[in-house]
C-alpha atoms as a PDB file:
ATOM      1  CA  MET A   1       0.024   0.088  -0.040  1.00  0.00           C
ATOM      2  CA  LYS A   2       2.670   2.475   0.507  1.00  0.00           C
ATOM      3  CA  VAL A   3       4.872   1.599  -2.434  1.00  0.00           C
ATOM      4  CA  GLU A   4       1.330   2.661  -4.244  1.00  0.00           C
ATOM      5  CA  LEU A   5       0.998   5.652  -2.726  1.00  0.00           C
ATOM      6  CA  THR A   6       4.164   6.701  -3.484  1.00  0.00           C
ATOM      7  CA  ALA A   7       3.882   6.000  -6.769  1.00  0.00           C
ATOM      8  CA  GLN A   8       0.759   8.390  -6.416  1.00  0.00           C
ATOM      9  CA  VAL A   9       2.520  10.920  -5.000  1.00  0.00           C
ATOM     10  CA  GLU A  10       5.471  10.361  -7.516  1.00  0.00           C
ATOM     11  CA  GLU A  11       2.995  10.840 -10.369  1.00  0.00           C
ATOM     12  CA  MET A  12       1.083  13.650  -9.017  1.00  0.00           C
ATOM     13  CA  GLN A  13       3.794  15.807  -8.502  1.00  0.00           C
ATOM     14  CA  LYS A  14       5.278  14.851 -12.389  1.00  0.00           C
ATOM     15  CA  GLN A  15       1.409  15.897 -12.968  1.00  0.00           C
ATOM     16  CA  LEU A  16       2.179  18.907 -11.223  1.00  0.00           C
ATOM     17  CA  GLU A  17       5.678  19.674 -12.632  1.00  0.00           C
ATOM     18  CA  ASP A  18       4.476  19.745 -16.343  1.00  0.00           C
ATOM     19  CA  LEU A  19       1.699  21.736 -15.177  1.00  0.00           C
ATOM     20  CA  LYS A  20       3.800  24.563 -13.954  1.00  0.00           C
ATOM     21  CA  TYR A  21       5.810  23.975 -17.530  1.00  0.00           C
ATOM     22  CA  ARG A  22       3.258  24.322 -19.172  1.00  0.00           C
ATOM     23  CA  VAL A  23       1.871  27.474 -16.958  1.00  0.00           C
ATOM     24  CA  LEU A  24       4.947  29.480 -17.888  1.00  0.00           C
ATOM     25  CA  VAL A  25       5.305  28.836 -21.162  1.00  0.00           C
ATOM     26  CA  GLU A  26       1.945  30.046 -21.745  1.00  0.00           C
ATOM     27  CA  GLN A  27       2.865  33.115 -19.393  1.00  0.00           C
ATOM     28  CA  GLY A  28       5.587  33.204 -21.770  1.00  0.00           C
ATOM     29  CA  GLU A  29       3.700  33.288 -25.340  1.00  0.00           C
ATOM     30  CA  ALA A  30       1.129  36.173 -23.338  1.00  0.00           C
ATOM     31  CA  ALA A  31       4.333  38.026 -22.411  1.00  0.00           C
ATOM     32  CA  LYS A  32       5.575  38.112 -25.929  1.00  0.00           C
ATOM     33  CA  SER A  33       1.664  38.233 -27.340  1.00  0.00           C
ATOM     34  CA  ASN A  34       1.228  41.608 -25.479  1.00  0.00           C
ATOM     35  CA  GLU A  35       4.856  42.594 -26.117  1.00  0.00           C
ATOM     36  CA  ARG A  36       3.693  42.103 -30.192  1.00  0.00           C
ATOM     37  CA  THR A  37       0.772  43.736 -29.590  1.00  0.00           C
ATOM     38  CA  LYS A  38       2.478  46.606 -27.803  1.00  0.00           C
ATOM     39  CA  ALA A  39       4.826  47.545 -30.750  1.00  0.00           C
ATOM     40  CA  GLY A  40       1.941  46.983 -33.114  1.00  0.00           C
ATOM     41  CA  ASN A  41       0.568  49.198 -31.561  1.00  0.00           C
ATOM     42  CA  SER A  42       3.206  51.231 -31.419  1.00  0.00           C
ATOM     43  CA  VAL A  43       4.061  51.591 -34.727  1.00  0.00           C
ATOM     44  CA  LEU A  44       0.614  52.027 -35.812  1.00  0.00           C
ATOM     45  CA  GLN A  45       0.288  54.895 -33.593  1.00  0.00           C
ATOM     46  CA  GLU A  46       3.427  56.639 -34.941  1.00  0.00           C
ATOM     47  CA  VAL A  47       2.176  55.485 -38.900  1.00  0.00           C
ATOM     48  CA  ILE A  48      -1.202  57.758 -37.270  1.00  0.00           C
ATOM     49  CA  GLN A  49       0.742  60.583 -36.156  1.00  0.00           C
ATOM     50  CA  LYS A  50       2.686  60.436 -39.780  1.00  0.00           C
ATOM     51  CA  GLN A  51      -0.280  61.020 -41.535  1.00  0.00           C
ATOM     52  CA  HIS A  52      -1.855  63.533 -39.292  1.00  0.00           C
ATOM     53  CA  VAL A  53       1.460  65.800 -39.790  1.00  0.00           C
ATOM     54  CA  GLU A  54       1.861  65.173 -43.562  1.00  0.00           C
ATOM     55  CA  LEU A  55      -2.041  66.144 -42.933  1.00  0.00           C
ATOM     56  CA  ALA A  56      -0.970  69.007 -41.567  1.00  0.00           C
ATOM     57  CA  THR A  57       2.041  70.253 -43.660  1.00  0.00           C
ATOM     58  CA  MET A  58      -0.576  69.839 -46.555  1.00  0.00           C
ATOM     59  CA  GLN A  59      -2.858  72.305 -45.055  1.00  0.00           C
ATOM     60  CA  ALA A  60      -0.297  75.099 -43.813  1.00  0.00           C
ATOM     61  CA  GLN A  61       1.046  75.191 -47.953  1.00  0.00           C
ATOM     62  CA  LEU A  62      -2.822  75.920 -48.829  1.00  0.00           C
ATOM     63  CA  SER A  63      -3.170  78.403 -45.945  1.00  0.00           C
ATOM     64  CA  CYS A  64       0.321  79.781 -47.318  1.00  0.00           C
ATOM     65  CA  HIS A  65      -0.860  80.024 -50.404  1.00  0.00           C
ATOM     66  CA  LEU A  66      -3.931  81.709 -49.397  1.00  0.00           C
ATOM     67  CA  GLN A  67      -2.166  84.640 -47.693  1.00  0.00           C
ATOM     68  CA  ARG A  68       0.560  84.957 -50.015  1.00  0.00           C
ATOM     69  CA  ASN A  69      -1.757  84.785 -53.330  1.00  0.00           C
ATOM     70  CA  ILE A  70      -5.298  85.486 -52.032  1.00  0.00           C
ATOM     71  CA  ASN A  71      -5.696  89.548 -53.450  1.00  0.00           C
ATOM     72  CA  LEU A  72      -3.673  88.659 -56.783  1.00  0.00           C
ATOM     73  CA  HIS A  73      -6.667  87.215 -58.071  1.00  0.00           C
ATOM     74  CA  THR A  74      -9.786  85.778 -57.208  1.00  0.00           C
ATOM     75  CA  PRO A  75     -11.718  82.515 -58.673  1.00  0.00           C
ATOM     76  CA  ALA A  76     -15.510  83.287 -60.218  1.00  0.00           C
ATOM     77  CA  HIS A  77     -13.952  86.908 -60.334  1.00  0.00           C
ATOM     78  CA  THR A  78     -13.991  89.147 -63.557  1.00  0.00           C
ATOM     79  CA  ILE A  79     -12.657  92.567 -64.015  1.00  0.00           C
ATOM     80  CA  ILE A  80     -15.899  94.383 -64.783  1.00  0.00           C
ATOM     81  CA  HIS A  81     -16.200  98.402 -65.845  1.00  0.00           C
ATOM     82  CA  LEU A  82     -19.077 100.160 -66.746  1.00  0.00           C
ATOM     83  CA  GLY A  83     -19.608 103.507 -68.536  1.00  0.00           C
ATOM     84  CA  ASN A  84     -22.112 106.146 -67.786  1.00  0.00           C
ATOM     85  CA  ASP A  85     -24.523 104.761 -71.219  1.00  0.00           C
ATOM     86  CA  ARG A  86     -27.357 102.629 -70.035  1.00  0.00           C
ATOM     87  CA  GLU A  87     -27.863 100.480 -72.438  1.00  0.00           C
ATOM     88  CA  GLN A  88     -24.054  99.445 -72.831  1.00  0.00           C
ATOM     89  CA  ARG A  89     -24.036  98.788 -69.022  1.00  0.00           C
ATOM     90  CA  HIS A  90     -26.378  96.233 -68.986  1.00  0.00           C
ATOM     91  CA  LYS A  91     -25.105  94.978 -72.802  1.00  0.00           C
ATOM     92  CA  THR A  92     -21.825  94.789 -70.374  1.00  0.00           C
ATOM     93  CA  LEU A  93     -23.358  92.423 -68.205  1.00  0.00           C
ATOM     94  CA  MET A  94     -24.980  90.422 -70.415  1.00  0.00           C
ATOM     95  CA  SER A  95     -22.063  89.692 -72.367  1.00  0.00           C
ATOM     96  CA  LEU A  96     -20.512  88.437 -68.900  1.00  0.00           C
ATOM     97  CA  ARG A  97     -23.602  86.286 -68.380  1.00  0.00           C
ATOM     98  CA  ASN A  98     -22.685  82.639 -69.483  1.00  0.00           C
ATOM     99  CA  ARG A  99     -19.485  82.949 -69.381  1.00  0.00           C
ATOM    100  CA  LYS A 100     -19.798  83.546 -65.448  1.00  0.00           C
ATOM    101  CA  ILE A 101     -22.523  80.764 -64.688  1.00  0.00           C
ATOM    102  CA  GLN A 102     -19.951  78.482 -66.678  1.00  0.00           C
ATOM    103  CA  GLU A 103     -17.037  78.880 -64.440  1.00  0.00           C
ATOM    104  CA  ALA A 104     -18.835  79.451 -61.473  1.00  0.00           C
ATOM    105  CA  LYS A 105     -20.539  76.321 -62.123  1.00  0.00           C
ATOM    106  CA  ARG A 106     -16.966  74.438 -62.988  1.00  0.00           C
ATOM    107  CA  PHE A 107     -15.491  76.418 -59.723  1.00  0.00           C
ATOM    108  CA  ILE A 108     -18.105  75.204 -57.265  1.00  0.00           C
ATOM    109  CA  THR A 109     -18.488  71.510 -57.892  1.00  0.00           C
ATOM    110  CA  ALA A 110     -14.389  71.360 -58.305  1.00  0.00           C
ATOM    111  CA  ARG A 111     -14.650  72.731 -54.063  1.00  0.00           C
ATOM    112  CA  SER A 112     -17.392  70.399 -53.384  1.00  0.00           C
ATOM    113  CA  GLN A 113     -16.105  67.307 -54.516  1.00  0.00           C
ATOM    114  CA  GLY A 114     -16.544  64.021 -52.180  1.00  0.00           C
ATOM    115  CA  LEU A 115     -18.442  65.842 -49.313  1.00  0.00           C
ATOM    116  CA  ASP A 116     -21.562  64.666 -47.791  1.00  0.00           C
ATOM    117  CA  PRO A 117     -24.536  66.767 -49.394  1.00  0.00           C
ATOM    118  CA  LYS A 118     -26.689  64.648 -46.900  1.00  0.00           C
ATOM    119  CA  SER A 119     -24.460  66.818 -43.692  1.00  0.00           C
ATOM    120  CA  ALA A 120     -23.748  69.916 -43.038  1.00  0.00           C
ATOM    121  CA  TYR A 121     -20.112  71.380 -43.632  1.00  0.00           C
ATOM    122  CA  SER A 122     -18.404  75.055 -43.233  1.00  0.00           C
ATOM    123  CA  GLN A 123     -15.048  76.129 -43.461  1.00  0.00           C
ATOM    124  CA  GLU A 124     -14.066  79.642 -43.290  1.00  0.00           C
ATOM    125  CA  GLU A 125     -10.126  81.721 -43.213  1.00  0.00           C
ATOM    126  CA  ARG A 126      -9.402  85.221 -42.430  1.00  0.00           C
ATOM    127  CA  THR A 127      -6.384  87.421 -43.098  1.00  0.00           C
ATOM    128  CA  THR A 128      -4.940  90.658 -42.907  1.00  0.00           C
ATOM    129  CA  LYS A 129      -1.887  93.228 -41.303  1.00  0.00           C
ATOM    130  CA  PRO A 130      -1.687  96.353 -39.980  1.00  0.00           C
ATOM    131  CA  GLY A 131      -2.811  98.700 -42.291  1.00  0.00           C
ATOM    132  CA  ASP A 132      -3.382  96.593 -45.092  1.00  0.00           C
ATOM    133  CA  ASP A 133      -6.874  95.248 -46.828  1.00  0.00           C
ATOM    134  CA  TYR A 134      -8.833  92.409 -44.560  1.00  0.00           C
ATOM    135  CA  SER A 135     -10.337  88.694 -46.581  1.00  0.00           C
ATOM    136  CA  ILE A 136     -12.741  86.194 -45.645  1.00  0.00           C
ATOM    137  CA  VAL A 137     -12.815  83.204 -47.791  1.00  0.00           C
ATOM    138  CA  HIS A 138     -16.007  81.414 -46.798  1.00  0.00           C
ATOM    139  CA  PHE A 139     -17.380  77.701 -47.259  1.00  0.00           C
ATOM    140  CA  ASP A 140     -19.902  76.299 -46.515  1.00  0.00           C
ATOM    141  CA  THR A 141     -22.552  73.096 -47.594  1.00  0.00           C
ATOM    142  CA  VAL A 142     -25.937  72.862 -45.799  1.00  0.00           C
ATOM    143  CA  PRO A 143     -29.130  70.452 -46.780  1.00  0.00           C
ATOM    144  CA  ILE A 144     -32.265  71.607 -47.131  1.00  0.00           C
ATOM    145  CA  HIS A 145     -35.793  70.258 -46.123  1.00  0.00           C
ATOM    146  CA  GLY A 146     -39.191  71.097 -46.966  1.00  0.00           C
ATOM    147  CA  ALA A 147     -38.962  73.456 -50.643  1.00  0.00           C
ATOM    148  CA  SER A 148     -37.599  72.507 -53.985  1.00  0.00           C
ATOM    149  CA  ALA A 149     -34.366  73.681 -55.776  1.00  0.00           C
ATOM    150  CA  ARG A 150     -36.665  76.225 -57.470  1.00  0.00           C
ATOM    151  CA  ASP A 151     -38.444  77.403 -54.141  1.00  0.00           C
ATOM    152  CA  VAL A 152     -34.950  78.151 -52.869  1.00  0.00           C
ATOM    153  CA  PHE A 153     -33.356  79.653 -55.972  1.00  0.00           C
ATOM    154  CA  GLU A 154     -36.252  82.105 -56.082  1.00  0.00           C
ATOM    155  CA  ALA A 155     -35.465  83.380 -52.876  1.00  0.00           C
ATOM    156  CA  PHE A 156     -32.286  83.917 -52.940  1.00  0.00           C
ATOM    157  CA  ILE A 157     -33.177  86.082 -55.349  1.00  0.00           C
ATOM    158  CA  ASP A 158     -35.969  88.025 -53.947  1.00  0.00           C
ATOM    159  CA  VAL A 159     -33.916  88.548 -50.833  1.00  0.00           C
ATOM    160  CA  ALA A 160     -30.488  89.729 -52.786  1.00  0.00           C
ATOM    161  CA  GLN A 161     -32.685  92.414 -54.925  1.00  0.00           C
ATOM    162  CA  ASN A 162     -34.144  93.690 -51.581  1.00  0.00           C
ATOM    163  CA  ALA A 163     -30.435  93.577 -49.795  1.00  0.00           C
ATOM    164  CA  GLU A 164     -30.545  97.121 -48.164  1.00  0.00           C
ATOM    165  CA  ILE A 165     -33.582  96.263 -46.482  1.00  0.00           C
ATOM    166  CA  VAL A 166     -32.331  92.975 -45.004  1.00  0.00           C
ATOM    167  CA  LEU A 167     -28.809  94.920 -43.972  1.00  0.00           C
ATOM    168  CA  THR A 168     -31.404  97.646 -41.689  1.00  0.00           C
ATOM    169  CA  GLU A 169     -33.881  95.427 -40.904  1.00  0.00           C
ATOM    170  CA  MET A 170     -31.543  92.542 -39.521  1.00  0.00           C
ATOM    171  CA  PHE A 171     -28.359  95.098 -38.514  1.00  0.00           C
ATOM    172  CA  GLY A 172     -29.946  98.233 -37.477  1.00  0.00           C
ATOM    173  CA  SER A 173     -27.793 100.303 -39.802  1.00  0.00           C
ATOM    174  CA  LEU A 174     -29.373 102.216 -42.477  1.00  0.00           C
ATOM    175  CA  THR A 175     -28.802 100.478 -45.791  1.00  0.00           C
ATOM    176  CA  ILE A 176     -29.465 102.079 -49.208  1.00  0.00           C
ATOM    177  CA  ARG A 177     -29.461 101.475 -52.866  1.00  0.00           C
ATOM    178  CA  GLU A 178     -28.128 104.279 -55.311  1.00  0.00           C
ATOM    179  CA  ASN A 179     -28.364 102.724 -58.177  1.00  0.00           C
ATOM    180  CA  ASN A 180     -32.254 102.230 -60.118  1.00  0.00           C
ATOM    181  CA  GLU A 181     -32.084 100.416 -62.497  1.00  0.00           C
ATOM    182  CA  ILE A 182     -34.967  97.981 -63.279  1.00  0.00           C
ATOM    183  CA  ASP A 183     -33.666  93.939 -62.046  1.00  0.00           C
ATOM    184  CA  ALA A 184     -33.920  91.444 -64.059  1.00  0.00           C
ATOM    185  CA  ARG A 185     -34.219  87.737 -62.721  1.00  0.00           C
ATOM    186  CA  GLU A 186     -30.835  86.765 -64.848  1.00  0.00           C
ATOM    187  CA  VAL A 187     -28.349  89.653 -64.593  1.00  0.00           C
ATOM    188  CA  PHE A 188     -28.817  92.674 -61.417  1.00  0.00           C
ATOM    189  CA  GLN A 189     -26.247  94.907 -60.246  1.00  0.00           C
ATOM    190  CA  MET A 190     -26.421  96.063 -56.734  1.00  0.00           C
ATOM    191  CA  ARG A 191     -24.819  99.876 -55.294  1.00  0.00           C
ATOM    192  CA  LEU A 192     -25.287  99.579 -51.482  1.00  0.00           C
ATOM    193  CA  VAL A 193     -23.676 102.250 -49.053  1.00  0.00           C
ATOM    194  CA  THR A 194     -24.217 101.643 -45.488  1.00  0.00           C
ATOM    195  CA  SER A 195     -24.042 103.776 -41.912  1.00  0.00           C
ATOM    196  CA  THR A 196     -22.543 101.735 -39.537  1.00  0.00           C
ATOM    197  CA  SER A 197     -23.743 102.429 -35.501  1.00  0.00           C
ATOM    198  CA  LYS A 198     -20.097 104.104 -35.114  1.00  0.00           C
ATOM    199  CA  GLY A 199     -20.815 106.397 -38.349  1.00  0.00           C
ATOM    200  CA  THR A 200     -18.339 104.553 -40.850  1.00  0.00           C
ATOM    201  CA  LEU A 201     -19.844 104.723 -44.436  1.00  0.00           C
ATOM    202  CA  VAL A 202     -19.734 101.227 -46.248  1.00  0.00           C
ATOM    203  CA  GLU A 203     -19.941 101.193 -50.243  1.00  0.00           C
ATOM    204  CA  SER A 204     -19.772  97.866 -51.922  1.00  0.00           C
ATOM    205  CA  ASN A 205     -21.223  97.581 -56.133  1.00  0.00           C
ATOM    206  CA  THR A 206     -22.292  94.193 -57.409  1.00  0.00           C
ATOM    207  CA  ALA A 207     -23.099  92.823 -60.457  1.00  0.00           C
ATOM    208  CA  MET A 208     -25.825  90.003 -59.654  1.00  0.00           C
ATOM    209  CA  PHE A 209     -25.842  86.430 -62.429  1.00  0.00           C
ATOM    210  CA  SER A 210     -28.266  83.656 -62.155  1.00  0.00           C
ATOM    211  CA  GLU A 211     -29.761  80.645 -63.992  1.00  0.00           C
ATOM    212  CA  PHE A 212     -32.051  77.840 -62.674  1.00  0.00           C
ATOM    213  CA  VAL A 213     -31.466  74.542 -65.287  1.00  0.00           C
ATOM    214  CA  GLU A 214     -34.768  72.667 -64.305  1.00  0.00           C
ATOM    215  CA  LYS A 215     -34.457  68.912 -66.138  1.00  0.00           C
ATOM    216  CA  GLY A 216     -37.489  66.662 -67.563  1.00  0.00           C
ATOM    217  CA  ASP A 217     -36.010  63.312 -66.268  1.00  0.00           C
ATOM    218  CA  ASP A 218     -36.309  62.040 -62.970  1.00  0.00           C
ATOM    219  CA  LYS A 219     -32.734  60.655 -62.953  1.00  0.00           C
ATOM    220  CA  GLU A 220     -31.031  64.586 -64.199  1.00  0.00           C
ATOM    221  CA  GLU A 221     -30.274  67.006 -60.762  1.00  0.00           C
ATOM    222  CA  ASN A 222     -32.327  70.246 -61.165  1.00  0.00           C
ATOM    223  CA  TYR A 223     -29.798  73.596 -59.971  1.00  0.00           C
ATOM    224  CA  GLY A 224     -30.052  76.837 -59.548  1.00  0.00           C
ATOM    225  CA  LEU A 225     -26.778  79.055 -59.775  1.00  0.00           C
ATOM    226  CA  VAL A 226     -25.807  82.426 -58.584  1.00  0.00           C
ATOM    227  CA  VAL A 227     -22.960  84.297 -59.242  1.00  0.00           C
ATOM    228  CA  ALA A 228     -22.563  88.266 -57.987  1.00  0.00           C
ATOM    229  CA  ASP A 229     -18.791  89.651 -58.663  1.00  0.00           C
ATOM    230  CA  PHE A 230     -17.849  92.675 -57.360  1.00  0.00           C
ATOM    231  CA  VAL A 231     -17.479  95.313 -59.838  1.00  0.00           C
ATOM    232  CA  GLU A 232     -13.789  97.299 -60.453  1.00  0.00           C
ATOM    233  CA  SER A 233     -14.770 100.714 -61.809  1.00  0.00           C
ATOM    234  CA  ASP A 234     -17.982 102.597 -62.319  1.00  0.00           C
ATOM    235  CA  LYS A 235     -18.563 105.958 -64.243  1.00  0.00           C
ATOM    236  CA  LEU A 236     -21.419 106.306 -63.166  1.00  0.00           C
ATOM    237  CA  TYR A 237     -21.690 105.575 -59.918  1.00  0.00           C
ATOM    238  CA  PRO A 238     -18.033 105.998 -58.904  1.00  0.00           C
ATOM    239  CA  TYR A 239     -15.673 104.738 -55.728  1.00  0.00           C
ATOM    240  CA  LYS A 240     -15.856 107.652 -53.066  1.00  0.00           C
ATOM    241  CA  PRO A 241     -12.324 105.870 -51.294  1.00  0.00           C
ATOM    242  CA  LYS A 242     -11.529 109.579 -49.075  1.00  0.00           C
ATOM    243  CA  GLU A 243     -15.219 108.834 -47.775  1.00  0.00           C
ATOM    244  CA  ARG A 244     -16.151 105.512 -47.396  1.00  0.00           C
ATOM    245  CA  VAL A 245     -14.354 101.796 -47.135  1.00  0.00           C
ATOM    246  CA  ARG A 246     -15.194 100.273 -49.803  1.00  0.00           C
ATOM    247  CA  ARG A 247     -16.326  96.175 -49.788  1.00  0.00           C
ATOM    248  CA  ASP A 248     -15.056  94.249 -52.826  1.00  0.00           C
ATOM    249  CA  SER A 249     -17.280  90.353 -52.066  1.00  0.00           C
ATOM    250  CA  THR A 250     -17.221  87.459 -55.262  1.00  0.00           C
ATOM    251  CA  THR A 251     -20.103  84.669 -53.822  1.00  0.00           C
ATOM    252  CA  VAL A 252     -21.193  81.570 -55.753  1.00  0.00           C
ATOM    253  CA  PHE A 253     -24.164  80.283 -54.265  1.00  0.00           C
ATOM    254  CA  MET A 254     -25.194  76.520 -56.234  1.00  0.00           C
ATOM    255  CA  ILE A 255     -28.897  75.259 -54.970  1.00  0.00           C
ATOM    256  CA  ARG A 256     -28.770  71.511 -56.914  1.00  0.00           C
ATOM    257  CA  THR A 257     -31.675  68.480 -55.643  1.00  0.00           C
ATOM    258  CA  LEU A 258     -30.341  65.371 -54.737  1.00  0.00           C
ATOM    259  CA  LYS A 259     -32.115  61.974 -54.255  1.00  0.00           C
ATOM    260  CA  ALA A 260     -31.775  60.811 -50.064  1.00  0.00           C
ATOM    261  CA  SER A 261     -33.153  57.798 -48.540  1.00  0.00           C
ATOM    262  CA  ASN A 262     -36.058  58.401 -45.767  1.00  0.00           C
ATOM    263  CA  PRO A 263     -35.686  56.280 -43.311  1.00  0.00           C
ATOM    264  CA  ALA A 264     -40.366  56.916 -42.588  1.00  0.00           C
ATOM    265  CA  ILE A 265     -40.471  55.907 -46.398  1.00  0.00           C
ATOM    266  CA  LYS A 266     -38.736  52.914 -45.315  1.00  0.00           C
ATOM    267  CA  GLU A 267     -40.818  51.664 -43.113  1.00  0.00           C
ATOM    268  CA  LYS A 268     -43.706  52.154 -45.360  1.00  0.00           C
ATOM    269  CA  PRO A 269     -42.275  51.670 -49.186  1.00  0.00           C
ATOM    270  CA  LYS A 270     -43.539  54.790 -51.739  1.00  0.00           C
ATOM    271  CA  PRO A 271     -43.586  53.522 -55.901  1.00  0.00           C
ATOM    272  CA  CYS A 272     -40.736  55.900 -55.519  1.00  0.00           C
ATOM    273  CA  GLY A 273     -38.901  55.361 -52.409  1.00  0.00           C
ATOM    274  CA  GLN A 274     -36.625  58.027 -52.196  1.00  0.00           C
ATOM    275  CA  GLU A 275     -37.576  61.803 -51.900  1.00  0.00           C
ATOM    276  CA  ARG A 276     -35.784  65.017 -52.788  1.00  0.00           C
ATOM    277  CA  VAL A 277     -33.358  66.878 -51.036  1.00  0.00           C
ATOM    278  CA  VAL A 278     -32.202  70.834 -51.877  1.00  0.00           C
ATOM    279  CA  VAL A 279     -28.119  71.434 -51.119  1.00  0.00           C
ATOM    280  CA  ALA A 280     -27.244  74.238 -51.043  1.00  0.00           C
ATOM    281  CA  THR A 281     -23.415  75.176 -51.420  1.00  0.00           C
ATOM    282  CA  ARG A 282     -21.923  78.323 -51.203  1.00  0.00           C
ATOM    283  CA  TRP A 283     -18.202  80.076 -51.422  1.00  0.00           C
ATOM    284  CA  THR A 284     -17.625  83.401 -50.732  1.00  0.00           C
ATOM    285  CA  PHE A 285     -14.625  85.749 -50.769  1.00  0.00           C
ATOM    286  CA  THR A 286     -14.556  89.432 -49.080  1.00  0.00           C
ATOM    287  CA  LYS A 287     -11.968  92.306 -49.046  1.00  0.00           C
ATOM    288  CA  ILE A 288     -12.778  95.129 -47.098  1.00  0.00           C
ATOM    289  CA  ARG A 289     -10.249  98.359 -48.334  1.00  0.00           C
ATOM    290  CA  ARG A 290      -9.031 100.526 -46.036  1.00  0.00           C
ATOM    291  CA  ARG A 291      -5.987 102.321 -47.777  1.00  0.00           C
ATOM    292  CA  GLN A 292      -7.564 105.790 -47.752  1.00  0.00           C
ATOM    293  CA  THR A 293      -9.406 105.737 -45.075  1.00  0.00           C
ATOM    294  CA  ASN A 294      -8.353 105.925 -41.026  1.00  0.00           C
ATOM    295  CA  LEU A 295     -10.323 103.798 -39.031  1.00  0.00           C
ATOM    296  CA  SER A 296     -10.287 103.465 -35.245  1.00  0.00           C
ATOM    297  CA  VAL A 297     -10.322  99.761 -34.023  1.00  0.00           C
ATOM    298  CA  ASP A 298     -13.843  99.911 -32.260  1.00  0.00           C
ATOM    299  CA  SER A 299     -15.021 100.850 -36.228  1.00  0.00           C
ATOM    300  CA  LEU A 300     -12.659  98.501 -38.449  1.00  0.00           C
ATOM    301  CA  GLN A 301     -13.915  96.082 -36.031  1.00  0.00           C
ATOM    302  CA  GLU A 302     -17.737  96.527 -36.326  1.00  0.00           C
ATOM    303  CA  VAL A 303     -17.049  96.471 -40.464  1.00  0.00           C
ATOM    304  CA  GLN A 304     -15.601  93.227 -40.323  1.00  0.00           C
ATOM    305  CA  GLU A 305     -18.184  92.072 -37.887  1.00  0.00           C
ATOM    306  CA  SER A 306     -20.986  93.215 -40.336  1.00  0.00           C
ATOM    307  CA  THR A 307     -19.385  91.504 -42.776  1.00  0.00           C
ATOM    308  CA  LEU A 308     -18.783  87.842 -40.884  1.00  0.00           C
ATOM    309  CA  SER A 309     -22.224  87.565 -40.286  1.00  0.00           C
ATOM    310  CA  PHE A 310     -24.003  89.113 -43.495  1.00  0.00           C
ATOM    311  CA  GLY A 311     -23.711  85.417 -45.129  1.00  0.00           C
ATOM    312  CA  ASP A 312     -25.836  84.006 -42.025  1.00  0.00           C
ATOM    313  CA  THR A 313     -28.158  87.210 -42.147  1.00  0.00           C
ATOM    314  CA  MET A 314     -28.787  85.984 -46.059  1.00  0.00           C
ATOM    315  CA  MET A 315     -29.844  82.219 -44.638  1.00  0.00           C
ATOM    316  CA  LYS A 316     -32.076  83.982 -41.893  1.00  0.00           C
ATOM    317  CA  CYS A 317     -33.901  85.798 -44.755  1.00  0.00           C
ATOM    318  CA  ILE A 318     -34.156  82.983 -46.717  1.00  0.00           C
ATOM    319  CA  GLN A 319     -35.248  80.488 -44.403  1.00  0.00           C
ATOM    320  CA  GLN A 320     -38.118  83.147 -43.384  1.00  0.00           C
ATOM    321  CA  ARG A 321     -39.611  82.998 -47.063  1.00  0.00           C
ATOM    322  CA  LEU A 322     -39.469  79.233 -46.974  1.00  0.00           C
ATOM    323  CA  GLY A 323     -41.286  79.160 -43.753  1.00  0.00           C
ATOM    324  CA  LYS A 324     -41.165  75.795 -42.177  1.00  0.00           C
ATOM    325  CA  THR A 325     -38.363  75.027 -44.438  1.00  0.00           C
ATOM    326  CA  ASN A 326     -35.389  72.906 -41.993  1.00  0.00           C
ATOM    327  CA  ILE A 327     -31.540  74.646 -43.123  1.00  0.00           C
ATOM    328  CA  SER A 328     -29.337  72.263 -41.020  1.00  0.00           C
ATOM    329  CA  ALA A 329     -26.412  74.863 -40.933  1.00  0.00           C
ATOM    330  CA  PRO A 330     -23.344  73.784 -39.580  1.00  0.00           C
ATOM    331  CA  HIS A 331     -22.839  75.012 -35.715  1.00  0.00           C
ATOM    332  CA  LYS A 332     -20.130  77.455 -35.362  1.00  0.00           C
ATOM    333  CA  LYS A 333     -16.993  77.059 -33.102  1.00  0.00           C
END
C-alpha cells in the first residue's frame, strides 16, 4: 500500500511539474504576445501621427498659398468696368453672363467634390495685416428639407434684390441703394451704401448673374446658380475711397436637388422610395479695402463683424421666406 501511495504521489508531482511548465510556457507566450501587441500599437500610432503631420503640412501649404496670393486673383472673379450709358452697361453685363455661370459652376462643383451632401459643413479663413486690407474666404454646404430647388433659388434672388432692406432691418444700420435700374432675374446690379452705428460709411458695387436649369428626366438633378461679383470701376456710380470703406465680394451660390434615403419611407415603402433633398453650397470671398481711410480699431471691428454675419443673415431671411423649411446649418465654433 505504501509503495502504491508513493508511486501515486510521485506521479502527481510529475503532473504538477508538467502543469507548472505549461503555465510558464503559456505565460511566456502571453508575454510575447503582449509585447508584439504593444509593438504593433506603437507602430500604428506612429503611422497615424505621421499621416496627421503630412495632412497638417498640406493644410499649411494651402494656407500659405491663400495668405500670399489672396489679393492676386479670386476664383469666379472677372474684372468689370461699367460706363455712363445705361444701355451699354446692360449689354456689358449680359455679355458676361454665360461665361460667369459656366466658370462658377465648374469651380463650385470642384470645391464641393467628395463632400457628403446630406451633412452640413463649413470652413472659414481670414487674413489681414496691420494697415492693410481685411480678407475673408468662407465655404459651406447645407442640406435643406421641405423646399424645392426652385423655391430656394427664387427666395435667394428676392433677398439679394432687397439687400438694402435686409441690412437695415437685421443689422439696424441704414442702407441705401444708389442705383435705380429695373432688376431682371438673370442679371442685375446692387450699388449699396451702409452707415454703421459708429458712423462709418461702407460701399459696395455688385453685379449678379443667375440661372436655373430644370431637368425633365427624374434621373437628372435640377440646379440653380447665382454668381455675385464686385464691379471694379463704374463711371455712373464711382467709388469714394476718401469718404467710404470699400467692401468687395465675390460669391458663388449653387442649389441642387439630390435623392436621399428617408427612414420613414423605408418603413412604409412608396413607389419612388426616395425624397428630394435640396443642397445649398456657397463660396464667398470678401475684402475690406481701407488703404485710403483712417478707421479706428472699434470702427474697423464693427465693419468686420457685420461682414462676417452677412452671409448667415441672408440664410435666415431665405428661411423666413420659405416658412417651415429646415436648413441644417453647421454650428460655428
